[in-house]
Amino acid sequence: MTNSNALYLLVGAVIAGVIGAGIWAYQDSRRSGVEISVGRHGVSIEER
């Protein structure tokens, strides 16, 4: 594999990762329902 092919592969992988992260973040922000968290201060229930 030549250096230019490796560069194209790297750029393509980065672009695919950014697109995938964007899709995941968009779907996560659109999700509705109830979120239940357990932490130091007890149980927290929030409507999303």
C-alpha atoms as a PDB file:
ATOM      1  CA  MET A   1       0.000   0.000   0.000  1.00  0.00           C
ATOM      2  CA  THR A   2       1.395   3.378  -0.925  1.00  0.00           C
ATOM      3  CA  ASN A   3       1.445   6.373   1.375  1.00  0.00           C
ATOM      4  CA  SER A   4      -1.372   8.111  -0.506  1.00  0.00           C
ATOM      5  CA  ASN A   5      -3.620   5.046  -0.206  1.00  0.00           C
ATOM      6  CA  ALA A   6      -2.936   4.858   3.518  1.00  0.00           C
ATOM      7  CA  LEU A   7      -3.793   8.543   3.852  1.00  0.00           C
ATOM      8  CA  TYR A   8      -7.093   8.054   1.991  1.00  0.00           C
ATOM      9  CA  LEU A   9      -7.887   5.091   4.242  1.00  0.00           C
ATOM     10  CA  LEU A  10      -7.156   7.126   7.367  1.00  0.00           C
ATOM     11  CA  VAL A  11      -9.227  10.096   6.199  1.00  0.00           C
ATOM     12  CA  GLY A  12     -12.116   7.792   5.278  1.00  0.00           C
ATOM     13  CA  ALA A  13     -12.011   6.115   8.690  1.00  0.00           C
ATOM     14  CA  VAL A  14     -12.068   9.479  10.473  1.00  0.00           C
ATOM     15  CA  ILE A  15     -14.983  10.704   8.367  1.00  0.00           C
ATOM     16  CA  ALA A  16     -16.920   7.484   9.018  1.00  0.00           C
ATOM     17  CA  GLY A  17     -16.269   7.838  12.756  1.00  0.00           C
ATOM     18  CA  VAL A  18     -17.470  11.443  12.821  1.00  0.00           C
ATOM     19  CA  ILE A  19     -20.625  10.559  10.883  1.00  0.00           C
ATOM     20  CA  GLY A  20     -21.326   7.602  13.167  1.00  0.00           C
ATOM     21  CA  ALA A  21     -20.840   9.702  16.305  1.00  0.00           C
ATOM     22  CA  GLY A  22     -23.135  12.387  14.900  1.00  0.00           C
ATOM     23  CA  ILE A  23     -25.894   9.897  14.134  1.00  0.00           C
ATOM     24  CA  TRP A  24     -25.583   8.365  17.607  1.00  0.00           C
ATOM     25  CA  ALA A  25     -25.719  11.789  19.311  1.00  0.00           C
ATOM     26  CA  TYR A  26     -28.738  12.842  17.239  1.00  0.00           C
ATOM     27  CA  GLN A  27     -30.674   9.683  18.050  1.00  0.00           C
ATOM     28  CA  ASP A  28     -29.747   9.940  21.731  1.00  0.00           C
ATOM     29  CA  SER A  29     -31.027  13.532  21.906  1.00  0.00           C
ATOM     30  CA  ARG A  30     -34.318  12.570  20.243  1.00  0.00           C
ATOM     31  CA  ARG A  31     -34.975   9.679  22.598  1.00  0.00           C
ATOM     32  CA  SER A  32     -37.784  10.304  25.071  1.00  0.00           C
ATOM     33  CA  GLY A  33     -38.909   8.462  28.144  1.00  0.00           C
ATOM     34  CA  VAL A  34     -37.787   8.176  31.730  1.00  0.00           C
ATOM     35  CA  GLU A  35     -34.195   8.227  32.943  1.00  0.00           C
ATOM     36  CA  ILE A  36     -33.404   6.606  36.293  1.00  0.00           C
ATOM     37  CA  SER A  37     -30.039   7.370  37.880  1.00  0.00           C
ATOM     38  CA  VAL A  38     -28.527   6.027  41.081  1.00  0.00           C
ATOM     39  CA  GLY A  39     -25.742   8.136  42.538  1.00  0.00           C
ATOM     40  CA  ARG A  40     -24.254   9.494  45.735  1.00  0.00           C
ATOM     41  CA  HIS A  41     -27.349  11.538  46.476  1.00  0.00           C
ATOM     42  CA  GLY A  42     -29.819   8.680  46.053  1.00  0.00           C
ATOM     43  CA  VAL A  43     -32.148   7.761  43.221  1.00  0.00           C
ATOM     44  CA  SER A  44     -33.093  10.350  40.611  1.00  0.00           C
ATOM     45  CA  ILE A  45     -35.963   9.914  38.157  1.00  0.00           C
ATOM     46  CA  GLU A  46     -36.219  12.372  35.272  1.00  0.00           C
ATOM     47  CA  GLU A  47     -38.579  12.569  32.320  1.00  0.00           C
ATOM     48  CA  ARG A  48     -36.781  13.118  29.014  1.00  0.00           C
END
